[in-house]
Amino acid sequence: MIKVVAVFLLPLSLAACGDTWGQRAVTGGGIGAGTGALLGALTPIGLLPGALVGGAVGAGVGAATTPRR
């Protein structure tokens, strides 16, 4: 369980990569989709549902963050 949590938290910490709102949403969605697919492969959810949920969450988190200057 610790590995799953660690794999999930790392992409969330990187979700704010980008200068504009759109860049952060896109990079967050990509990172979230990859992580969701990985977690979906490790759980009974499956690859596609995991990628869809992860991508949506990642895009939301990326869009909600503000860039650090």
C-alpha atoms as a PDB file:
ATOM      1  CA  MET A   1       0.000   0.000   0.000  1.00  0.00           C
ATOM      2  CA  ILE A   2       2.889   2.377   0.717  1.00  0.00           C
ATOM      3  CA  LYS A   3       4.185   1.911  -2.836  1.00  0.00           C
ATOM      4  CA  VAL A   4       0.776   2.745  -4.284  1.00  0.00           C
ATOM      5  CA  VAL A   5       0.533   5.916  -2.198  1.00  0.00           C
ATOM      6  CA  ALA A   6       4.078   6.952  -3.143  1.00  0.00           C
ATOM      7  CA  VAL A   7       3.394   6.392  -6.850  1.00  0.00           C
ATOM      8  CA  PHE A   8       0.214   8.455  -6.589  1.00  0.00           C
ATOM      9  CA  LEU A   9       1.679  11.391  -4.652  1.00  0.00           C
ATOM     10  CA  LEU A  10       4.736  11.952  -6.841  1.00  0.00           C
ATOM     11  CA  PRO A  11       2.773  12.985  -9.944  1.00  0.00           C
ATOM     12  CA  LEU A  12       0.529  15.236  -7.878  1.00  0.00           C
ATOM     13  CA  SER A  13       3.574  17.126  -6.685  1.00  0.00           C
ATOM     14  CA  LEU A  14       4.628  17.623 -10.317  1.00  0.00           C
ATOM     15  CA  ALA A  15       1.190  18.601 -11.611  1.00  0.00           C
ATOM     16  CA  ALA A  16       1.933  22.317 -11.587  1.00  0.00           C
ATOM     17  CA  CYS A  17       4.635  22.147 -14.272  1.00  0.00           C
ATOM     18  CA  GLY A  18       3.953  24.996 -16.694  1.00  0.00           C
ATOM     19  CA  ASP A  19       3.639  28.744 -16.863  1.00  0.00           C
ATOM     20  CA  THR A  20       0.040  29.148 -17.978  1.00  0.00           C
ATOM     21  CA  TRP A  21      -3.218  27.679 -16.768  1.00  0.00           C
ATOM     22  CA  GLY A  22      -3.523  25.532 -19.911  1.00  0.00           C
ATOM     23  CA  GLN A  23       0.020  24.191 -19.704  1.00  0.00           C
ATOM     24  CA  ARG A  24      -0.473  23.144 -16.103  1.00  0.00           C
ATOM     25  CA  ALA A  25      -3.774  21.451 -16.948  1.00  0.00           C
ATOM     26  CA  VAL A  26      -2.267  19.533 -19.880  1.00  0.00           C
ATOM     27  CA  THR A  27       0.872  18.414 -18.060  1.00  0.00           C
ATOM     28  CA  GLY A  28      -1.142  17.526 -14.972  1.00  0.00           C
ATOM     29  CA  GLY A  29      -3.545  15.498 -17.106  1.00  0.00           C
ATOM     30  CA  GLY A  30      -0.691  13.645 -18.804  1.00  0.00           C
ATOM     31  CA  ILE A  31       1.040  12.854 -15.553  1.00  0.00           C
ATOM     32  CA  GLY A  32      -2.255  11.834 -13.960  1.00  0.00           C
ATOM     33  CA  ALA A  33      -3.190   9.590 -16.885  1.00  0.00           C
ATOM     34  CA  GLY A  34       0.133   7.776 -16.723  1.00  0.00           C
ATOM     35  CA  THR A  35      -0.122   7.319 -12.993  1.00  0.00           C
ATOM     36  CA  GLY A  36      -3.751   6.253 -13.229  1.00  0.00           C
ATOM     37  CA  ALA A  37      -2.888   3.649 -15.859  1.00  0.00           C
ATOM     38  CA  LEU A  38      -0.120   2.311 -13.640  1.00  0.00           C
ATOM     39  CA  LEU A  39      -2.400   2.123 -10.626  1.00  0.00           C
ATOM     40  CA  GLY A  40      -5.140   0.600 -12.770  1.00  0.00           C
ATOM     41  CA  ALA A  41      -2.739  -2.132 -13.859  1.00  0.00           C
ATOM     42  CA  LEU A  42      -1.929  -2.904 -10.228  1.00  0.00           C
ATOM     43  CA  THR A  43      -5.561  -2.976  -9.097  1.00  0.00           C
ATOM     44  CA  PRO A  44      -8.729  -4.599 -10.444  1.00  0.00           C
ATOM     45  CA  ILE A  45      -9.894  -1.273 -11.926  1.00  0.00           C
ATOM     46  CA  GLY A  46      -8.036  -1.759 -15.203  1.00  0.00           C
ATOM     47  CA  LEU A  47      -5.805   0.385 -17.401  1.00  0.00           C
ATOM     48  CA  LEU A  48      -8.348   2.510 -19.239  1.00  0.00           C
ATOM     49  CA  PRO A  49     -10.545   3.487 -16.274  1.00  0.00           C
ATOM     50  CA  GLY A  50      -7.431   4.208 -14.222  1.00  0.00           C
ATOM     51  CA  ALA A  51      -6.013   6.406 -16.968  1.00  0.00           C
ATOM     52  CA  LEU A  52      -9.295   8.280 -17.394  1.00  0.00           C
ATOM     53  CA  VAL A  53      -9.715   8.975 -13.692  1.00  0.00           C
ATOM     54  CA  GLY A  54      -6.040   9.829 -13.234  1.00  0.00           C
ATOM     55  CA  GLY A  55      -6.061  12.151 -16.232  1.00  0.00           C
ATOM     56  CA  ALA A  56      -9.147  13.985 -15.000  1.00  0.00           C
ATOM     57  CA  VAL A  57      -7.768  14.375 -11.484  1.00  0.00           C
ATOM     58  CA  GLY A  58      -4.340  15.422 -12.764  1.00  0.00           C
ATOM     59  CA  ALA A  59      -5.810  18.021 -15.123  1.00  0.00           C
ATOM     60  CA  GLY A  60      -7.972  19.409 -12.334  1.00  0.00           C
ATOM     61  CA  VAL A  61      -5.075  19.656  -9.911  1.00  0.00           C
ATOM     62  CA  GLY A  62      -2.803  21.155 -12.572  1.00  0.00           C
ATOM     63  CA  ALA A  63      -5.393  23.767 -13.506  1.00  0.00           C
ATOM     64  CA  ALA A  64      -6.063  24.626  -9.861  1.00  0.00           C
ATOM     65  CA  THR A  65      -2.441  25.332  -8.994  1.00  0.00           C
ATOM     66  CA  THR A  66      -0.586  28.567  -9.467  1.00  0.00           C
ATOM     67  CA  PRO A  67       2.963  28.809 -10.805  1.00  0.00           C
ATOM     68  CA  ARG A  68       5.799  29.581  -8.394  1.00  0.00           C
ATOM     69  CA  ARG A  69       7.903  32.535  -9.345  1.00  0.00           C
END
